[in-house]
Amino acid sequence: MPAELDRLDMKILDRLQIDASESSSEIADRVGLSQSPCWRRMQRLKEEGYVRHTVAVLDREKFGESMFIFAQLKMSRLSDQERDRFVHAVEATPEILEAYTLFGEMDVMLKVLAPNIAWYQNFTFRTLLRLPGVEDVRSTATLSELKCTHRLPLPSLPG
């Protein structure tokens, strides 16, 4: 835990992870502060980058049937310029929700939101295999979602 964060900062951050739409007054009540000091702490935590974004988490099922597919990519050796083109193409593809570099046999893992397997098969040939440097794609389709959270486990401090 960063030394500059105290117990109240951690409580505020945890509350923001639970429901960032709560007012500073509501958060202050929950963490045991008055509204003004809580608001100042919240602003400092945002300014210092502890809170990167405040977003609404949408219920994807409300938009129709969908599934997550994890695609692992084997990459050829890329120049810096080709790597930049690859990253830009991934960032510009809205169906790719997350992307990670990997250690091991495969080089990149993508989390793709797909309406169905037939769509994903087309997406693989139309998009993934055309990304700069992609040599091979191995995919795993999910059956159900057991847990999905963006809430980081924050250490609790005594007091």
N, C-alpha and C. Protein backbone atom coordinates (compact mmCIF):
# COMPACT_ATOMS: atom_id res chain seq x y z
N MET A 1 0.84 -1.18 0.00
CA MET A 1 0.00 0.00 0.00
C MET A 1 0.88 1.24 0.00
N PRO A 2 0.54 2.23 -0.82
CA PRO A 2 1.33 3.47 -0.82
C PRO A 2 1.31 4.13 0.55
N ALA A 3 2.47 4.60 0.98
CA ALA A 3 2.61 5.18 2.32
C ALA A 3 1.74 6.42 2.51
N GLU A 4 1.44 7.15 1.44
CA GLU A 4 0.69 8.39 1.58
C GLU A 4 -0.82 8.17 1.76
N LEU A 5 -1.27 6.92 1.69
CA LEU A 5 -2.69 6.63 1.90
C LEU A 5 -2.92 6.15 3.34
N ASP A 6 -3.93 6.72 3.97
CA ASP A 6 -4.26 6.29 5.32
C ASP A 6 -5.56 5.47 5.29
N ARG A 7 -6.00 5.09 6.48
CA ARG A 7 -7.18 4.24 6.62
C ARG A 7 -8.42 4.89 6.00
N LEU A 8 -8.60 6.19 6.18
CA LEU A 8 -9.76 6.87 5.62
C LEU A 8 -9.69 6.93 4.09
N ASP A 9 -8.50 7.16 3.55
CA ASP A 9 -8.34 7.13 2.09
C ASP A 9 -8.76 5.77 1.53
N MET A 10 -8.33 4.71 2.20
CA MET A 10 -8.67 3.36 1.73
C MET A 10 -10.17 3.12 1.80
N LYS A 11 -10.81 3.60 2.87
CA LYS A 11 -12.27 3.45 2.99
C LYS A 11 -12.98 4.22 1.87
N ILE A 12 -12.50 5.41 1.58
CA ILE A 12 -13.10 6.22 0.51
C ILE A 12 -12.93 5.51 -0.84
N LEU A 13 -11.74 5.03 -1.10
CA LEU A 13 -11.50 4.33 -2.36
C LEU A 13 -12.37 3.09 -2.49
N ASP A 14 -12.53 2.37 -1.40
CA ASP A 14 -13.37 1.18 -1.44
C ASP A 14 -14.82 1.55 -1.72
N ARG A 15 -15.32 2.61 -1.08
CA ARG A 15 -16.70 3.06 -1.33
C ARG A 15 -16.87 3.46 -2.79
N LEU A 16 -15.88 4.17 -3.35
CA LEU A 16 -15.96 4.57 -4.75
C LEU A 16 -16.01 3.36 -5.67
N GLN A 17 -15.31 2.29 -5.30
CA GLN A 17 -15.36 1.07 -6.10
C GLN A 17 -16.74 0.41 -6.03
N ILE A 18 -17.40 0.54 -4.92
CA ILE A 18 -18.71 -0.07 -4.75
C ILE A 18 -19.77 0.73 -5.51
N ASP A 19 -19.75 2.07 -5.35
CA ASP A 19 -20.74 2.90 -6.04
C ASP A 19 -20.22 4.32 -6.15
N ALA A 20 -19.62 4.64 -7.27
CA ALA A 20 -19.03 5.97 -7.48
C ALA A 20 -20.08 7.04 -7.69
N SER A 21 -21.35 6.64 -7.78
CA SER A 21 -22.40 7.65 -7.95
C SER A 21 -22.84 8.23 -6.60
N GLU A 22 -22.37 7.65 -5.50
CA GLU A 22 -22.70 8.22 -4.19
C GLU A 22 -22.10 9.61 -4.08
N SER A 23 -22.81 10.49 -3.42
CA SER A 23 -22.30 11.85 -3.21
C SER A 23 -21.17 11.83 -2.18
N SER A 24 -20.41 12.90 -2.15
CA SER A 24 -19.34 12.98 -1.15
C SER A 24 -19.94 13.00 0.26
N SER A 25 -21.14 13.53 0.40
CA SER A 25 -21.82 13.52 1.70
C SER A 25 -22.17 12.09 2.13
N GLU A 26 -22.68 11.28 1.19
CA GLU A 26 -23.00 9.88 1.50
C GLU A 26 -21.74 9.09 1.84
N ILE A 27 -20.70 9.31 1.07
CA ILE A 27 -19.44 8.60 1.34
C ILE A 27 -18.88 9.04 2.69
N ALA A 28 -18.95 10.32 2.97
CA ALA A 28 -18.46 10.84 4.25
C ALA A 28 -19.16 10.15 5.41
N ASP A 29 -20.49 10.01 5.32
CA ASP A 29 -21.24 9.32 6.37
C ASP A 29 -20.77 7.89 6.54
N ARG A 30 -20.52 7.22 5.45
CA ARG A 30 -20.15 5.80 5.49
C ARG A 30 -18.74 5.57 6.05
N VAL A 31 -17.83 6.56 5.82
CA VAL A 31 -16.45 6.36 6.27
C VAL A 31 -16.13 7.10 7.58
N GLY A 32 -17.09 7.87 8.09
CA GLY A 32 -16.88 8.53 9.37
C GLY A 32 -16.16 9.87 9.28
N LEU A 33 -16.44 10.64 8.25
CA LEU A 33 -15.87 11.98 8.09
C LEU A 33 -16.99 12.97 7.87
N SER A 34 -16.67 14.24 8.01
CA SER A 34 -17.64 15.25 7.58
C SER A 34 -17.47 15.45 6.07
N GLN A 35 -18.46 16.10 5.47
CA GLN A 35 -18.51 16.18 4.00
C GLN A 35 -17.32 16.90 3.38
N SER A 36 -16.93 18.06 3.90
CA SER A 36 -15.85 18.84 3.27
C SER A 36 -14.50 18.12 3.26
N PRO A 37 -14.03 17.58 4.40
CA PRO A 37 -12.77 16.84 4.36
C PRO A 37 -12.84 15.61 3.45
N CYS A 38 -14.00 14.97 3.42
CA CYS A 38 -14.15 13.80 2.54
C CYS A 38 -14.05 14.23 1.09
N TRP A 39 -14.72 15.31 0.71
CA TRP A 39 -14.66 15.81 -0.66
C TRP A 39 -13.22 16.15 -1.05
N ARG A 40 -12.49 16.82 -0.13
CA ARG A 40 -11.10 17.19 -0.41
C ARG A 40 -10.25 15.94 -0.62
N ARG A 41 -10.45 14.92 0.20
CA ARG A 41 -9.71 13.66 0.04
C ARG A 41 -10.06 13.01 -1.31
N MET A 42 -11.34 13.01 -1.65
CA MET A 42 -11.75 12.41 -2.92
C MET A 42 -11.08 13.13 -4.09
N GLN A 43 -11.04 14.45 -4.03
CA GLN A 43 -10.40 15.22 -5.11
C GLN A 43 -8.90 14.92 -5.18
N ARG A 44 -8.24 14.83 -4.01
CA ARG A 44 -6.81 14.51 -3.99
C ARG A 44 -6.55 13.12 -4.58
N LEU A 45 -7.37 12.16 -4.21
CA LEU A 45 -7.19 10.79 -4.72
C LEU A 45 -7.36 10.75 -6.24
N LYS A 46 -8.28 11.55 -6.77
CA LYS A 46 -8.44 11.64 -8.23
C LYS A 46 -7.24 12.33 -8.87
N GLU A 47 -6.82 13.45 -8.29
CA GLU A 47 -5.69 14.21 -8.84
C GLU A 47 -4.40 13.39 -8.83
N GLU A 48 -4.23 12.56 -7.80
CA GLU A 48 -3.01 11.74 -7.68
C GLU A 48 -3.09 10.46 -8.50
N GLY A 49 -4.21 10.24 -9.18
CA GLY A 49 -4.33 9.11 -10.09
C GLY A 49 -4.77 7.80 -9.48
N TYR A 50 -5.18 7.81 -8.22
CA TYR A 50 -5.69 6.57 -7.62
C TYR A 50 -7.03 6.18 -8.24
N VAL A 51 -7.79 7.18 -8.65
CA VAL A 51 -9.05 6.95 -9.38
C VAL A 51 -8.78 7.37 -10.81
N ARG A 52 -8.72 6.37 -11.70
CA ARG A 52 -8.43 6.67 -13.11
C ARG A 52 -9.65 7.14 -13.87
N HIS A 53 -10.80 6.48 -13.67
CA HIS A 53 -12.02 6.82 -14.39
C HIS A 53 -13.22 6.58 -13.48
N THR A 54 -14.27 7.31 -13.70
CA THR A 54 -15.54 7.05 -13.05
C THR A 54 -16.50 6.69 -14.18
N VAL A 55 -17.01 5.46 -14.15
CA VAL A 55 -17.81 4.96 -15.26
C VAL A 55 -19.07 4.27 -14.75
N ALA A 56 -20.00 4.03 -15.66
CA ALA A 56 -21.16 3.19 -15.37
C ALA A 56 -20.88 1.81 -15.96
N VAL A 57 -21.14 0.77 -15.18
CA VAL A 57 -20.98 -0.61 -15.65
C VAL A 57 -22.33 -1.06 -16.20
N LEU A 58 -22.38 -1.31 -17.49
CA LEU A 58 -23.64 -1.68 -18.14
C LEU A 58 -23.88 -3.18 -18.02
N ASP A 59 -25.13 -3.56 -18.04
CA ASP A 59 -25.52 -4.97 -18.03
C ASP A 59 -25.55 -5.45 -19.48
N ARG A 60 -24.56 -6.20 -19.88
CA ARG A 60 -24.45 -6.61 -21.29
C ARG A 60 -25.61 -7.47 -21.74
N GLU A 61 -26.24 -8.19 -20.83
CA GLU A 61 -27.38 -9.03 -21.19
C GLU A 61 -28.57 -8.21 -21.67
N LYS A 62 -28.67 -6.96 -21.23
CA LYS A 62 -29.75 -6.08 -21.68
C LYS A 62 -29.61 -5.75 -23.17
N PHE A 63 -28.43 -5.96 -23.72
CA PHE A 63 -28.17 -5.67 -25.13
C PHE A 63 -28.26 -6.91 -26.00
N GLY A 64 -28.72 -8.02 -25.44
CA GLY A 64 -28.87 -9.25 -26.19
C GLY A 64 -27.87 -10.30 -25.75
N GLU A 65 -27.99 -11.46 -26.36
CA GLU A 65 -27.10 -12.57 -26.05
C GLU A 65 -25.67 -12.21 -26.41
N SER A 66 -24.75 -12.61 -25.57
CA SER A 66 -23.33 -12.39 -25.87
C SER A 66 -22.50 -13.34 -25.01
N MET A 67 -21.26 -13.49 -25.41
CA MET A 67 -20.34 -14.34 -24.66
C MET A 67 -18.95 -13.72 -24.74
N PHE A 68 -18.13 -14.06 -23.76
CA PHE A 68 -16.74 -13.64 -23.81
C PHE A 68 -15.92 -14.76 -24.41
N ILE A 69 -14.99 -14.38 -25.24
CA ILE A 69 -14.04 -15.33 -25.80
C ILE A 69 -12.64 -14.78 -25.53
N PHE A 70 -11.79 -15.64 -25.01
CA PHE A 70 -10.40 -15.27 -24.77
C PHE A 70 -9.58 -15.79 -25.93
N ALA A 71 -8.98 -14.88 -26.67
CA ALA A 71 -8.17 -15.24 -27.83
C ALA A 71 -6.71 -15.04 -27.47
N GLN A 72 -5.93 -16.09 -27.61
CA GLN A 72 -4.49 -15.99 -27.40
C GLN A 72 -3.82 -15.93 -28.76
N LEU A 73 -2.95 -14.94 -28.92
CA LEU A 73 -2.30 -14.70 -30.21
C LEU A 73 -0.81 -15.04 -30.14
N LYS A 74 -0.34 -15.72 -31.15
CA LYS A 74 1.10 -15.93 -31.35
C LYS A 74 1.54 -14.86 -32.34
N MET A 75 2.54 -14.10 -31.96
CA MET A 75 2.98 -12.97 -32.76
C MET A 75 4.34 -13.24 -33.40
N SER A 76 4.54 -12.66 -34.58
CA SER A 76 5.87 -12.66 -35.17
C SER A 76 6.67 -11.55 -34.50
N ARG A 77 7.94 -11.53 -34.74
CA ARG A 77 8.78 -10.46 -34.18
C ARG A 77 8.39 -9.16 -34.88
N LEU A 78 8.04 -8.15 -34.08
CA LEU A 78 7.55 -6.89 -34.62
C LEU A 78 8.55 -5.76 -34.38
N SER A 79 8.65 -4.88 -35.35
CA SER A 79 9.42 -3.65 -35.15
C SER A 79 8.60 -2.75 -34.23
N ASP A 80 9.21 -1.69 -33.74
CA ASP A 80 8.48 -0.75 -32.88
C ASP A 80 7.28 -0.16 -33.62
N GLN A 81 7.47 0.15 -34.89
CA GLN A 81 6.38 0.72 -35.69
C GLN A 81 5.25 -0.30 -35.89
N GLU A 82 5.58 -1.55 -36.16
CA GLU A 82 4.56 -2.59 -36.31
C GLU A 82 3.83 -2.84 -34.99
N ARG A 83 4.57 -2.83 -33.89
CA ARG A 83 3.96 -3.01 -32.57
C ARG A 83 2.97 -1.87 -32.29
N ASP A 84 3.35 -0.64 -32.65
CA ASP A 84 2.44 0.49 -32.47
C ASP A 84 1.18 0.33 -33.33
N ARG A 85 1.34 -0.15 -34.55
CA ARG A 85 0.18 -0.39 -35.43
C ARG A 85 -0.73 -1.46 -34.83
N PHE A 86 -0.12 -2.52 -34.27
CA PHE A 86 -0.89 -3.59 -33.64
C PHE A 86 -1.70 -3.03 -32.47
N VAL A 87 -1.05 -2.31 -31.57
CA VAL A 87 -1.72 -1.76 -30.39
C VAL A 87 -2.83 -0.81 -30.82
N HIS A 88 -2.57 0.04 -31.80
CA HIS A 88 -3.59 0.97 -32.28
C HIS A 88 -4.78 0.22 -32.85
N ALA A 89 -4.53 -0.84 -33.62
CA ALA A 89 -5.63 -1.63 -34.19
C ALA A 89 -6.45 -2.30 -33.10
N VAL A 90 -5.80 -2.82 -32.07
CA VAL A 90 -6.52 -3.44 -30.96
C VAL A 90 -7.37 -2.39 -30.24
N GLU A 91 -6.78 -1.24 -29.96
CA GLU A 91 -7.52 -0.16 -29.28
C GLU A 91 -8.71 0.32 -30.11
N ALA A 92 -8.61 0.26 -31.42
CA ALA A 92 -9.67 0.76 -32.31
C ALA A 92 -10.76 -0.28 -32.57
N THR A 93 -10.63 -1.48 -32.03
CA THR A 93 -11.62 -2.54 -32.26
C THR A 93 -12.50 -2.65 -31.02
N PRO A 94 -13.75 -2.15 -31.10
CA PRO A 94 -14.58 -2.08 -29.90
C PRO A 94 -14.94 -3.44 -29.30
N GLU A 95 -14.96 -4.49 -30.09
CA GLU A 95 -15.30 -5.82 -29.56
C GLU A 95 -14.20 -6.39 -28.68
N ILE A 96 -12.98 -5.86 -28.82
CA ILE A 96 -11.88 -6.28 -27.94
C ILE A 96 -11.95 -5.40 -26.70
N LEU A 97 -12.34 -6.02 -25.58
CA LEU A 97 -12.55 -5.28 -24.35
C LEU A 97 -11.27 -5.12 -23.53
N GLU A 98 -10.40 -6.12 -23.59
CA GLU A 98 -9.16 -6.09 -22.83
C GLU A 98 -8.07 -6.75 -23.65
N ALA A 99 -6.82 -6.36 -23.41
CA ALA A 99 -5.68 -6.96 -24.10
C ALA A 99 -4.48 -6.98 -23.16
N TYR A 100 -3.76 -8.10 -23.17
CA TYR A 100 -2.62 -8.29 -22.27
C TYR A 100 -1.47 -8.95 -23.04
N THR A 101 -0.25 -8.57 -22.72
CA THR A 101 0.90 -9.34 -23.20
C THR A 101 1.13 -10.47 -22.22
N LEU A 102 1.67 -11.58 -22.72
CA LEU A 102 1.83 -12.78 -21.92
C LEU A 102 3.27 -13.27 -21.93
N PHE A 103 3.65 -13.99 -20.88
CA PHE A 103 4.84 -14.83 -20.89
C PHE A 103 4.37 -16.21 -21.29
N GLY A 104 5.21 -16.93 -22.00
CA GLY A 104 4.84 -18.30 -22.35
C GLY A 104 4.76 -18.51 -23.85
N GLU A 105 4.06 -19.56 -24.21
CA GLU A 105 3.97 -19.97 -25.62
C GLU A 105 3.27 -18.94 -26.49
N MET A 106 2.20 -18.32 -25.96
CA MET A 106 1.47 -17.30 -26.71
C MET A 106 1.91 -15.93 -26.21
N ASP A 107 1.69 -14.91 -27.04
CA ASP A 107 2.24 -13.59 -26.75
C ASP A 107 1.23 -12.56 -26.26
N VAL A 108 -0.01 -12.68 -26.71
CA VAL A 108 -1.03 -11.70 -26.38
C VAL A 108 -2.33 -12.43 -26.07
N MET A 109 -3.09 -11.92 -25.09
CA MET A 109 -4.43 -12.45 -24.82
C MET A 109 -5.43 -11.32 -24.93
N LEU A 110 -6.50 -11.57 -25.66
CA LEU A 110 -7.57 -10.60 -25.85
C LEU A 110 -8.86 -11.13 -25.24
N LYS A 111 -9.62 -10.25 -24.64
CA LYS A 111 -10.96 -10.59 -24.19
C LYS A 111 -11.92 -9.95 -25.18
N VAL A 112 -12.67 -10.81 -25.89
CA VAL A 112 -13.53 -10.36 -26.97
C VAL A 112 -14.99 -10.60 -26.56
N LEU A 113 -15.84 -9.61 -26.80
CA LEU A 113 -17.27 -9.78 -26.59
C LEU A 113 -17.89 -10.17 -27.93
N ALA A 114 -18.51 -11.35 -27.95
CA ALA A 114 -19.06 -11.89 -29.19
C ALA A 114 -20.53 -12.24 -29.00
N PRO A 115 -21.36 -11.98 -30.01
CA PRO A 115 -22.77 -12.37 -29.89
C PRO A 115 -22.97 -13.88 -29.99
N ASN A 116 -22.09 -14.56 -30.73
CA ASN A 116 -22.20 -16.02 -30.88
C ASN A 116 -20.93 -16.54 -31.55
N ILE A 117 -20.82 -17.87 -31.62
CA ILE A 117 -19.62 -18.50 -32.17
C ILE A 117 -19.47 -18.23 -33.67
N ALA A 118 -20.56 -18.24 -34.41
CA ALA A 118 -20.47 -17.98 -35.85
C ALA A 118 -19.91 -16.58 -36.11
N TRP A 119 -20.39 -15.60 -35.33
CA TRP A 119 -19.85 -14.24 -35.47
C TRP A 119 -18.36 -14.23 -35.15
N TYR A 120 -17.97 -14.93 -34.08
CA TYR A 120 -16.56 -14.94 -33.67
C TYR A 120 -15.68 -15.59 -34.73
N GLN A 121 -16.16 -16.64 -35.37
CA GLN A 121 -15.38 -17.28 -36.43
C GLN A 121 -15.09 -16.27 -37.54
N ASN A 122 -16.09 -15.53 -37.94
CA ASN A 122 -15.90 -14.49 -38.96
C ASN A 122 -14.96 -13.40 -38.46
N PHE A 123 -15.11 -13.00 -37.20
CA PHE A 123 -14.26 -11.97 -36.60
C PHE A 123 -12.79 -12.41 -36.59
N THR A 124 -12.57 -13.69 -36.32
CA THR A 124 -11.20 -14.22 -36.30
C THR A 124 -10.53 -14.02 -37.65
N PHE A 125 -11.24 -14.41 -38.72
CA PHE A 125 -10.64 -14.31 -40.06
C PHE A 125 -10.63 -12.87 -40.57
N ARG A 126 -11.68 -12.12 -40.28
CA ARG A 126 -11.82 -10.76 -40.79
C ARG A 126 -10.96 -9.75 -40.03
N THR A 127 -10.73 -10.02 -38.72
CA THR A 127 -10.06 -9.01 -37.89
C THR A 127 -8.78 -9.53 -37.24
N LEU A 128 -8.90 -10.58 -36.42
CA LEU A 128 -7.75 -11.00 -35.63
C LEU A 128 -6.57 -11.44 -36.48
N LEU A 129 -6.82 -12.28 -37.47
CA LEU A 129 -5.72 -12.77 -38.30
C LEU A 129 -5.15 -11.70 -39.22
N ARG A 130 -5.81 -10.56 -39.31
CA ARG A 130 -5.31 -9.44 -40.12
C ARG A 130 -4.58 -8.39 -39.30
N LEU A 131 -4.55 -8.58 -37.98
CA LEU A 131 -3.79 -7.65 -37.14
C LEU A 131 -2.30 -7.79 -37.45
N PRO A 132 -1.54 -6.70 -37.40
CA PRO A 132 -0.11 -6.77 -37.70
C PRO A 132 0.62 -7.79 -36.83
N GLY A 133 1.33 -8.71 -37.48
CA GLY A 133 2.19 -9.66 -36.78
C GLY A 133 1.52 -10.91 -36.25
N VAL A 134 0.21 -11.06 -36.39
CA VAL A 134 -0.47 -12.24 -35.84
C VAL A 134 -0.19 -13.45 -36.72
N GLU A 135 0.37 -14.49 -36.10
CA GLU A 135 0.67 -15.74 -36.80
C GLU A 135 -0.35 -16.83 -36.51
N ASP A 136 -0.89 -16.85 -35.29
CA ASP A 136 -1.79 -17.92 -34.89
C ASP A 136 -2.75 -17.37 -33.84
N VAL A 137 -3.98 -17.92 -33.82
CA VAL A 137 -4.98 -17.55 -32.83
C VAL A 137 -5.53 -18.83 -32.21
N ARG A 138 -5.54 -18.88 -30.89
CA ARG A 138 -6.16 -19.98 -30.15
C ARG A 138 -7.21 -19.36 -29.24
N SER A 139 -8.42 -19.90 -29.30
CA SER A 139 -9.53 -19.26 -28.61
C SER A 139 -10.18 -20.20 -27.61
N THR A 140 -10.69 -19.58 -26.55
CA THR A 140 -11.47 -20.30 -25.53
C THR A 140 -12.77 -19.54 -25.34
N ALA A 141 -13.88 -20.21 -25.61
CA ALA A 141 -15.19 -19.60 -25.43
C ALA A 141 -15.68 -19.86 -24.02
N THR A 142 -16.27 -18.86 -23.40
CA THR A 142 -16.81 -19.01 -22.06
C THR A 142 -18.23 -19.57 -22.12
N LEU A 143 -18.59 -20.35 -21.12
CA LEU A 143 -19.94 -20.89 -21.02
C LEU A 143 -20.82 -20.03 -20.12
N SER A 144 -20.26 -19.59 -19.00
CA SER A 144 -20.99 -18.72 -18.08
C SER A 144 -20.00 -17.88 -17.31
N GLU A 145 -20.51 -16.80 -16.77
CA GLU A 145 -19.69 -15.89 -15.98
C GLU A 145 -19.93 -16.18 -14.50
N LEU A 146 -18.89 -16.58 -13.81
CA LEU A 146 -19.01 -16.90 -12.39
C LEU A 146 -18.72 -15.69 -11.49
N LYS A 147 -17.79 -14.85 -11.94
CA LYS A 147 -17.46 -13.65 -11.19
C LYS A 147 -16.91 -12.62 -12.15
N CYS A 148 -17.35 -11.39 -11.98
CA CYS A 148 -16.81 -10.29 -12.78
C CYS A 148 -16.82 -9.05 -11.90
N THR A 149 -15.65 -8.52 -11.61
CA THR A 149 -15.56 -7.33 -10.78
C THR A 149 -14.37 -6.49 -11.22
N HIS A 150 -14.45 -5.22 -10.94
CA HIS A 150 -13.31 -4.33 -11.12
C HIS A 150 -12.83 -3.82 -9.76
N ARG A 151 -13.44 -4.34 -8.71
CA ARG A 151 -13.12 -3.89 -7.35
C ARG A 151 -11.82 -4.52 -6.88
N LEU A 152 -10.81 -3.67 -6.66
CA LEU A 152 -9.53 -4.15 -6.16
C LEU A 152 -9.63 -4.49 -4.68
N PRO A 153 -8.98 -5.56 -4.24
CA PRO A 153 -8.97 -5.87 -2.80
C PRO A 153 -7.99 -4.94 -2.10
N LEU A 154 -8.51 -3.97 -1.38
CA LEU A 154 -7.66 -2.99 -0.70
C LEU A 154 -7.35 -3.46 0.70
N PRO A 155 -6.11 -3.25 1.14
CA PRO A 155 -5.76 -3.66 2.52
C PRO A 155 -6.53 -2.82 3.52
N SER A 156 -6.96 -3.45 4.59
CA SER A 156 -7.62 -2.69 5.65
C SER A 156 -6.57 -2.31 6.69
N LEU A 157 -6.74 -1.16 7.21
CA LEU A 157 -5.80 -0.65 8.21
C LEU A 157 -6.48 -0.64 9.57
N PRO A 158 -5.73 -0.87 10.62
CA PRO A 158 -6.33 -0.84 11.96
C PRO A 158 -6.87 0.55 12.28
N GLY A 159 -7.90 0.56 13.12
CA GLY A 159 -8.42 1.83 13.60
C GLY A 159 -9.61 2.24 12.94
